[in-house]
Amino acid sequence: MATRHLARTIVLQSLYEWDFYGKKTDLAEILDRNLNEFGPGIDEPEFAWRLMKGIIEHLPQIDEFIRTYASEWPLEQIAIVDRNILRIGLYELIYADKNEVPPKVAINEAIEIAKNYSGQNSPRFINGVLGTVYKEMEEGKIKP
């Protein structure tokens, strides 16, 4: 498994646990524990930390994008795994350095994670939301 893909899955596991417990636990401690347990010797642990930090810094905006672009699903009713895959994908798509993670890579990674960790219809759902956001970014309707 590629290092960044592994880092994203560890961030997903950490966000899932944090979200599951109502965001009342220390996310940094969760990520640190998960990196040590599931990614010992990972080449770029700083990538996981940047990703997590960026998601948390932009969480209100990211959640608003989810509410807007998955409008048929109240945020709280979206499966925890899918909600956090969307958070990772939207952060990378909108806010991350495009030279580090091109938009199509961000979308593809989110879809692959959904295939591995979520339900049968999740990859299509994730692709639909992220694809729509990407299209609107390309049209200049969304600016980071």
N, C-alpha and C. Protein backbone atom coordinates (compact mmCIF):
# COMPACT_ATOMS: atom_id res chain seq x y z
N MET A 1 0.86 -1.19 0.00
CA MET A 1 0.00 0.00 0.00
C MET A 1 0.89 1.23 0.00
N ALA A 2 0.60 2.16 -0.88
CA ALA A 2 1.38 3.39 -0.98
C ALA A 2 1.32 4.16 0.34
N THR A 3 2.39 4.87 0.64
CA THR A 3 2.50 5.57 1.91
C THR A 3 1.37 6.57 2.13
N ARG A 4 1.08 7.39 1.14
CA ARG A 4 0.03 8.40 1.33
C ARG A 4 -1.35 7.76 1.41
N HIS A 5 -1.56 6.69 0.68
CA HIS A 5 -2.84 5.98 0.77
C HIS A 5 -2.99 5.43 2.20
N LEU A 6 -1.93 4.84 2.72
CA LEU A 6 -1.96 4.33 4.09
C LEU A 6 -2.20 5.47 5.07
N ALA A 7 -1.54 6.60 4.87
CA ALA A 7 -1.74 7.76 5.75
C ALA A 7 -3.20 8.21 5.73
N ARG A 8 -3.80 8.24 4.55
CA ARG A 8 -5.22 8.63 4.45
C ARG A 8 -6.12 7.64 5.20
N THR A 9 -5.82 6.36 5.08
CA THR A 9 -6.67 5.38 5.78
C THR A 9 -6.51 5.50 7.29
N ILE A 10 -5.32 5.82 7.74
CA ILE A 10 -5.11 6.02 9.18
C ILE A 10 -5.83 7.28 9.65
N VAL A 11 -5.79 8.33 8.84
CA VAL A 11 -6.55 9.54 9.17
C VAL A 11 -8.04 9.22 9.21
N LEU A 12 -8.51 8.42 8.25
CA LEU A 12 -9.92 8.01 8.25
C LEU A 12 -10.27 7.26 9.52
N GLN A 13 -9.45 6.30 9.92
CA GLN A 13 -9.70 5.56 11.16
C GLN A 13 -9.76 6.50 12.36
N SER A 14 -8.87 7.46 12.38
CA SER A 14 -8.81 8.40 13.50
C SER A 14 -10.03 9.32 13.52
N LEU A 15 -10.39 9.85 12.35
CA LEU A 15 -11.59 10.70 12.27
C LEU A 15 -12.84 9.92 12.63
N TYR A 16 -12.90 8.66 12.20
CA TYR A 16 -14.05 7.81 12.51
C TYR A 16 -14.21 7.68 14.03
N GLU A 17 -13.12 7.33 14.71
CA GLU A 17 -13.18 7.16 16.16
C GLU A 17 -13.57 8.47 16.85
N TRP A 18 -12.97 9.55 16.44
CA TRP A 18 -13.25 10.87 17.00
C TRP A 18 -14.71 11.25 16.80
N ASP A 19 -15.21 11.04 15.59
CA ASP A 19 -16.59 11.36 15.24
C ASP A 19 -17.56 10.43 15.99
N PHE A 20 -17.23 9.16 16.07
CA PHE A 20 -18.07 8.16 16.74
C PHE A 20 -18.31 8.54 18.20
N TYR A 21 -17.28 9.04 18.85
CA TYR A 21 -17.40 9.43 20.26
C TYR A 21 -17.82 10.88 20.43
N GLY A 22 -18.46 11.44 19.42
CA GLY A 22 -19.02 12.78 19.53
C GLY A 22 -18.00 13.89 19.57
N LYS A 23 -16.83 13.66 19.02
CA LYS A 23 -15.75 14.65 18.96
C LYS A 23 -15.30 15.10 20.34
N LYS A 24 -15.47 14.22 21.32
CA LYS A 24 -15.11 14.55 22.70
C LYS A 24 -13.75 13.99 23.10
N THR A 25 -13.12 13.26 22.20
CA THR A 25 -11.81 12.70 22.50
C THR A 25 -10.74 13.55 21.82
N ASP A 26 -9.51 13.35 22.19
CA ASP A 26 -8.40 14.12 21.63
C ASP A 26 -7.97 13.49 20.30
N LEU A 27 -8.27 14.16 19.22
CA LEU A 27 -7.98 13.63 17.89
C LEU A 27 -6.48 13.44 17.68
N ALA A 28 -5.66 14.33 18.20
CA ALA A 28 -4.21 14.19 18.05
C ALA A 28 -3.71 12.91 18.72
N GLU A 29 -4.24 12.59 19.88
CA GLU A 29 -3.85 11.35 20.56
C GLU A 29 -4.29 10.14 19.76
N ILE A 30 -5.49 10.21 19.21
CA ILE A 30 -6.01 9.09 18.41
C ILE A 30 -5.11 8.88 17.18
N LEU A 31 -4.80 9.96 16.47
CA LEU A 31 -3.96 9.84 15.28
C LEU A 31 -2.57 9.33 15.64
N ASP A 32 -1.99 9.83 16.71
CA ASP A 32 -0.67 9.38 17.14
C ASP A 32 -0.69 7.88 17.42
N ARG A 33 -1.69 7.42 18.16
CA ARG A 33 -1.82 5.99 18.49
C ARG A 33 -1.98 5.17 17.22
N ASN A 34 -2.85 5.63 16.29
CA ASN A 34 -3.10 4.86 15.07
C ASN A 34 -1.89 4.84 14.15
N LEU A 35 -1.15 5.94 14.07
CA LEU A 35 0.07 5.95 13.27
C LEU A 35 1.08 4.95 13.83
N ASN A 36 1.21 4.91 15.14
CA ASN A 36 2.15 3.98 15.76
C ASN A 36 1.71 2.53 15.58
N GLU A 37 0.40 2.28 15.65
CA GLU A 37 -0.10 0.92 15.56
C GLU A 37 -0.20 0.41 14.12
N PHE A 38 -0.72 1.24 13.22
CA PHE A 38 -1.01 0.78 11.86
C PHE A 38 -0.02 1.27 10.81
N GLY A 39 0.84 2.21 11.19
CA GLY A 39 1.79 2.74 10.21
C GLY A 39 3.19 2.89 10.76
N PRO A 40 3.68 1.89 11.51
CA PRO A 40 5.04 2.05 12.03
C PRO A 40 6.03 2.13 10.86
N GLY A 41 6.91 3.10 10.94
CA GLY A 41 7.90 3.26 9.89
C GLY A 41 7.36 3.89 8.62
N ILE A 42 6.17 4.45 8.68
CA ILE A 42 5.58 5.11 7.51
C ILE A 42 6.52 6.22 7.05
N ASP A 43 6.71 6.34 5.74
CA ASP A 43 7.68 7.28 5.18
C ASP A 43 7.34 8.75 5.45
N GLU A 44 6.05 9.08 5.41
CA GLU A 44 5.65 10.48 5.53
C GLU A 44 4.58 10.68 6.61
N PRO A 45 4.93 10.48 7.87
CA PRO A 45 3.90 10.69 8.90
C PRO A 45 3.41 12.14 8.94
N GLU A 46 4.26 13.06 8.49
CA GLU A 46 3.86 14.47 8.48
C GLU A 46 2.70 14.71 7.51
N PHE A 47 2.58 13.89 6.47
CA PHE A 47 1.45 14.02 5.55
C PHE A 47 0.15 13.76 6.30
N ALA A 48 0.11 12.73 7.13
CA ALA A 48 -1.10 12.42 7.91
C ALA A 48 -1.42 13.56 8.87
N TRP A 49 -0.40 14.12 9.50
CA TRP A 49 -0.62 15.23 10.43
C TRP A 49 -1.13 16.47 9.71
N ARG A 50 -0.55 16.78 8.55
CA ARG A 50 -1.02 17.94 7.76
C ARG A 50 -2.47 17.75 7.33
N LEU A 51 -2.77 16.55 6.90
CA LEU A 51 -4.13 16.23 6.45
C LEU A 51 -5.13 16.41 7.59
N MET A 52 -4.83 15.82 8.73
CA MET A 52 -5.72 15.93 9.88
C MET A 52 -5.87 17.37 10.34
N LYS A 53 -4.75 18.08 10.42
CA LYS A 53 -4.78 19.48 10.86
C LYS A 53 -5.61 20.33 9.90
N GLY A 54 -5.43 20.13 8.61
CA GLY A 54 -6.18 20.89 7.62
C GLY A 54 -7.67 20.61 7.67
N ILE A 55 -8.02 19.35 7.87
CA ILE A 55 -9.45 18.99 7.97
C ILE A 55 -10.07 19.68 9.17
N ILE A 56 -9.40 19.63 10.30
CA ILE A 56 -9.95 20.23 11.51
C ILE A 56 -10.03 21.75 11.37
N GLU A 57 -9.02 22.38 10.78
CA GLU A 57 -9.05 23.83 10.59
C GLU A 57 -10.20 24.28 9.70
N HIS A 58 -10.57 23.45 8.74
CA HIS A 58 -11.61 23.80 7.77
C HIS A 58 -12.90 23.01 7.98
N LEU A 59 -13.03 22.34 9.12
CA LEU A 59 -14.17 21.45 9.35
C LEU A 59 -15.53 22.13 9.15
N PRO A 60 -15.77 23.33 9.68
CA PRO A 60 -17.09 23.95 9.45
C PRO A 60 -17.38 24.17 7.96
N GLN A 61 -16.38 24.63 7.21
CA GLN A 61 -16.57 24.85 5.78
C GLN A 61 -16.76 23.53 5.04
N ILE A 62 -15.97 22.52 5.39
CA ILE A 62 -16.07 21.21 4.75
C ILE A 62 -17.46 20.61 5.01
N ASP A 63 -17.91 20.67 6.25
CA ASP A 63 -19.24 20.14 6.57
C ASP A 63 -20.34 20.90 5.83
N GLU A 64 -20.13 22.18 5.62
CA GLU A 64 -21.11 22.96 4.85
C GLU A 64 -21.13 22.51 3.39
N PHE A 65 -19.96 22.20 2.83
CA PHE A 65 -19.92 21.64 1.48
C PHE A 65 -20.69 20.33 1.42
N ILE A 66 -20.52 19.49 2.44
CA ILE A 66 -21.26 18.21 2.47
C ILE A 66 -22.75 18.48 2.53
N ARG A 67 -23.17 19.40 3.39
CA ARG A 67 -24.60 19.73 3.48
C ARG A 67 -25.14 20.24 2.14
N THR A 68 -24.34 21.02 1.44
CA THR A 68 -24.77 21.61 0.17
C THR A 68 -24.80 20.58 -0.96
N TYR A 69 -23.76 19.78 -1.07
CA TYR A 69 -23.62 18.89 -2.22
C TYR A 69 -24.15 17.48 -1.98
N ALA A 70 -24.53 17.17 -0.78
CA ALA A 70 -25.23 15.91 -0.47
C ALA A 70 -26.52 16.30 0.24
N SER A 71 -27.23 17.24 -0.36
CA SER A 71 -28.37 17.89 0.31
C SER A 71 -29.52 16.96 0.66
N GLU A 72 -29.62 15.81 -0.01
CA GLU A 72 -30.69 14.88 0.33
C GLU A 72 -30.39 14.11 1.61
N TRP A 73 -29.16 14.22 2.10
CA TRP A 73 -28.74 13.51 3.29
C TRP A 73 -28.30 14.49 4.37
N PRO A 74 -29.06 14.60 5.45
CA PRO A 74 -28.55 15.41 6.56
C PRO A 74 -27.18 14.87 7.02
N LEU A 75 -26.27 15.76 7.32
CA LEU A 75 -24.90 15.39 7.68
C LEU A 75 -24.87 14.27 8.72
N GLU A 76 -25.73 14.36 9.72
CA GLU A 76 -25.72 13.39 10.81
C GLU A 76 -26.24 12.02 10.36
N GLN A 77 -26.94 11.97 9.21
CA GLN A 77 -27.47 10.68 8.73
C GLN A 77 -26.54 10.01 7.72
N ILE A 78 -25.52 10.70 7.28
CA ILE A 78 -24.54 10.08 6.40
C ILE A 78 -23.70 9.15 7.27
N ALA A 79 -23.46 7.94 6.78
CA ALA A 79 -22.64 6.98 7.53
C ALA A 79 -21.34 7.63 7.96
N ILE A 80 -20.90 7.32 9.17
CA ILE A 80 -19.70 7.94 9.72
C ILE A 80 -18.50 7.75 8.79
N VAL A 81 -18.36 6.58 8.22
CA VAL A 81 -17.23 6.33 7.32
C VAL A 81 -17.33 7.25 6.11
N ASP A 82 -18.50 7.30 5.49
CA ASP A 82 -18.68 8.14 4.30
C ASP A 82 -18.48 9.62 4.61
N ARG A 83 -19.01 10.05 5.74
CA ARG A 83 -18.88 11.46 6.13
C ARG A 83 -17.39 11.84 6.25
N ASN A 84 -16.61 10.94 6.81
CA ASN A 84 -15.20 11.25 7.01
C ASN A 84 -14.36 11.04 5.75
N ILE A 85 -14.78 10.15 4.87
CA ILE A 85 -14.13 10.04 3.56
C ILE A 85 -14.38 11.34 2.80
N LEU A 86 -15.60 11.84 2.86
CA LEU A 86 -15.90 13.13 2.21
C LEU A 86 -15.07 14.26 2.80
N ARG A 87 -14.90 14.25 4.10
CA ARG A 87 -14.09 15.31 4.74
C ARG A 87 -12.66 15.27 4.21
N ILE A 88 -12.10 14.08 4.11
CA ILE A 88 -10.73 13.96 3.58
C ILE A 88 -10.70 14.41 2.12
N GLY A 89 -11.61 13.89 1.33
CA GLY A 89 -11.64 14.23 -0.10
C GLY A 89 -11.86 15.70 -0.35
N LEU A 90 -12.81 16.30 0.37
CA LEU A 90 -13.09 17.73 0.18
C LEU A 90 -11.92 18.60 0.63
N TYR A 91 -11.30 18.22 1.74
CA TYR A 91 -10.13 18.99 2.16
C TYR A 91 -9.06 18.97 1.08
N GLU A 92 -8.74 17.77 0.59
CA GLU A 92 -7.69 17.67 -0.42
C GLU A 92 -8.08 18.36 -1.72
N LEU A 93 -9.34 18.26 -2.09
CA LEU A 93 -9.82 18.84 -3.33
C LEU A 93 -9.82 20.37 -3.29
N ILE A 94 -10.26 20.93 -2.17
CA ILE A 94 -10.46 22.38 -2.10
C ILE A 94 -9.29 23.13 -1.46
N TYR A 95 -8.76 22.60 -0.37
CA TYR A 95 -7.82 23.38 0.44
C TYR A 95 -6.36 22.95 0.34
N ALA A 96 -6.10 21.70 0.00
CA ALA A 96 -4.71 21.22 -0.01
C ALA A 96 -3.94 21.79 -1.19
N ASP A 97 -2.63 21.73 -1.11
CA ASP A 97 -1.75 22.19 -2.18
C ASP A 97 -1.97 21.32 -3.42
N LYS A 98 -2.41 21.94 -4.51
CA LYS A 98 -2.73 21.20 -5.75
C LYS A 98 -1.49 20.58 -6.37
N ASN A 99 -0.30 21.12 -6.08
CA ASN A 99 0.93 20.51 -6.57
C ASN A 99 1.26 19.23 -5.82
N GLU A 100 0.83 19.18 -4.56
CA GLU A 100 1.08 17.98 -3.75
C GLU A 100 0.03 16.91 -4.03
N VAL A 101 -1.24 17.33 -4.11
CA VAL A 101 -2.34 16.41 -4.37
C VAL A 101 -3.24 17.02 -5.45
N PRO A 102 -3.04 16.61 -6.70
CA PRO A 102 -3.92 17.13 -7.76
C PRO A 102 -5.37 16.73 -7.51
N PRO A 103 -6.33 17.55 -7.95
CA PRO A 103 -7.74 17.28 -7.68
C PRO A 103 -8.20 15.88 -8.08
N LYS A 104 -7.79 15.40 -9.23
CA LYS A 104 -8.23 14.08 -9.67
C LYS A 104 -7.66 12.98 -8.78
N VAL A 105 -6.48 13.19 -8.23
CA VAL A 105 -5.91 12.23 -7.29
C VAL A 105 -6.73 12.23 -6.00
N ALA A 106 -7.11 13.42 -5.53
CA ALA A 106 -7.92 13.51 -4.31
C ALA A 106 -9.23 12.75 -4.48
N ILE A 107 -9.87 12.93 -5.62
CA ILE A 107 -11.15 12.24 -5.88
C ILE A 107 -10.92 10.74 -5.97
N ASN A 108 -9.93 10.32 -6.73
CA ASN A 108 -9.65 8.90 -6.89
C ASN A 108 -9.31 8.22 -5.56
N GLU A 109 -8.51 8.87 -4.76
CA GLU A 109 -8.14 8.31 -3.45
C GLU A 109 -9.37 8.13 -2.57
N ALA A 110 -10.26 9.12 -2.55
CA ALA A 110 -11.48 9.02 -1.75
C ALA A 110 -12.34 7.86 -2.23
N ILE A 111 -12.46 7.69 -3.53
CA ILE A 111 -13.26 6.59 -4.08
C ILE A 111 -12.64 5.25 -3.71
N GLU A 112 -11.33 5.13 -3.82
CA GLU A 112 -10.65 3.87 -3.47
C GLU A 112 -10.82 3.54 -1.99
N ILE A 113 -10.73 4.55 -1.14
CA ILE A 113 -10.93 4.32 0.29
C ILE A 113 -12.36 3.86 0.55
N ALA A 114 -13.32 4.47 -0.15
CA ALA A 114 -14.72 4.07 0.00
C ALA A 114 -14.92 2.62 -0.44
N LYS A 115 -14.25 2.21 -1.52
CA LYS A 115 -14.36 0.83 -1.99
C LYS A 115 -13.87 -0.15 -0.93
N ASN A 116 -12.83 0.24 -0.21
CA ASN A 116 -12.22 -0.65 0.78
C ASN A 116 -12.89 -0.63 2.14
N TYR A 117 -13.47 0.50 2.52
CA TYR A 117 -13.92 0.65 3.90
C TYR A 117 -15.40 0.95 4.07
N SER A 118 -16.14 1.08 2.99
CA SER A 118 -17.52 1.48 3.14
C SER A 118 -18.45 0.55 2.37
N GLY A 119 -19.69 0.95 2.26
CA GLY A 119 -20.71 0.11 1.65
C GLY A 119 -20.65 0.08 0.13
N GLN A 120 -21.49 -0.75 -0.43
CA GLN A 120 -21.52 -1.00 -1.86
C GLN A 120 -21.80 0.25 -2.68
N ASN A 121 -22.69 1.11 -2.21
CA ASN A 121 -23.06 2.31 -2.97
C ASN A 121 -22.19 3.53 -2.62
N SER A 122 -21.34 3.39 -1.64
CA SER A 122 -20.54 4.53 -1.17
C SER A 122 -19.59 5.11 -2.22
N PRO A 123 -18.87 4.28 -2.98
CA PRO A 123 -17.97 4.89 -3.98
C PRO A 123 -18.72 5.79 -4.97
N ARG A 124 -19.90 5.39 -5.38
CA ARG A 124 -20.69 6.20 -6.31
C ARG A 124 -21.14 7.50 -5.63
N PHE A 125 -21.56 7.41 -4.37
CA PHE A 125 -21.98 8.58 -3.59
C PHE A 125 -20.81 9.56 -3.44
N ILE A 126 -19.66 9.04 -3.02
CA ILE A 126 -18.45 9.87 -2.83
C ILE A 126 -18.06 10.52 -4.15
N ASN A 127 -18.05 9.74 -5.23
CA ASN A 127 -17.70 10.27 -6.54
C ASN A 127 -18.67 11.36 -6.97
N GLY A 128 -19.96 11.16 -6.71
CA GLY A 128 -20.96 12.16 -7.09
C GLY A 128 -20.74 13.49 -6.39
N VAL A 129 -20.52 13.44 -5.10
CA VAL A 129 -20.31 14.68 -4.33
C VAL A 129 -19.02 15.37 -4.76
N LEU A 130 -17.92 14.62 -4.75
CA LEU A 130 -16.63 15.22 -5.08
C LEU A 130 -16.57 15.66 -6.54
N GLY A 131 -17.17 14.88 -7.43
CA GLY A 131 -17.20 15.24 -8.84
C GLY A 131 -17.96 16.53 -9.09
N THR A 132 -19.07 16.71 -8.40
CA THR A 132 -19.84 17.94 -8.54
C THR A 132 -19.06 19.14 -8.02
N VAL A 133 -18.42 18.98 -6.86
CA VAL A 133 -17.61 20.06 -6.31
C VAL A 133 -16.47 20.41 -7.27
N TYR A 134 -15.81 19.39 -7.80
CA TYR A 134 -14.70 19.63 -8.74
C TYR A 134 -15.18 20.38 -9.97
N LYS A 135 -16.32 19.96 -10.52
CA LYS A 135 -16.88 20.62 -11.70
C LYS A 135 -17.15 22.10 -11.41
N GLU A 136 -17.73 22.38 -10.25
CA GLU A 136 -18.02 23.77 -9.90
C GLU A 136 -16.75 24.57 -9.63
N MET A 137 -15.71 23.90 -9.14
CA MET A 137 -14.42 24.58 -8.97
C MET A 137 -13.86 24.96 -10.34
N GLU A 138 -13.95 24.04 -11.28
CA GLU A 138 -13.45 24.29 -12.63
C GLU A 138 -14.21 25.43 -13.29
N GLU A 139 -15.50 25.56 -12.99
CA GLU A 139 -16.33 26.63 -13.55
C GLU A 139 -16.16 27.95 -12.80
N GLY A 140 -15.36 27.94 -11.74
CA GLY A 140 -15.11 29.14 -10.95
C GLY A 140 -16.19 29.47 -9.94
N LYS A 141 -17.11 28.55 -9.72
CA LYS A 141 -18.21 28.78 -8.76
C LYS A 141 -17.77 28.56 -7.32
N ILE A 142 -16.72 27.79 -7.14
CA ILE A 142 -16.17 27.52 -5.80
C ILE A 142 -14.73 27.95 -5.78
N LYS A 143 -14.41 28.77 -4.79
CA LYS A 143 -13.03 29.20 -4.61
C LYS A 143 -12.63 28.91 -3.18
N PRO A 144 -11.44 28.33 -3.00
CA PRO A 144 -10.98 28.02 -1.63
C PRO A 144 -10.79 29.25 -0.78
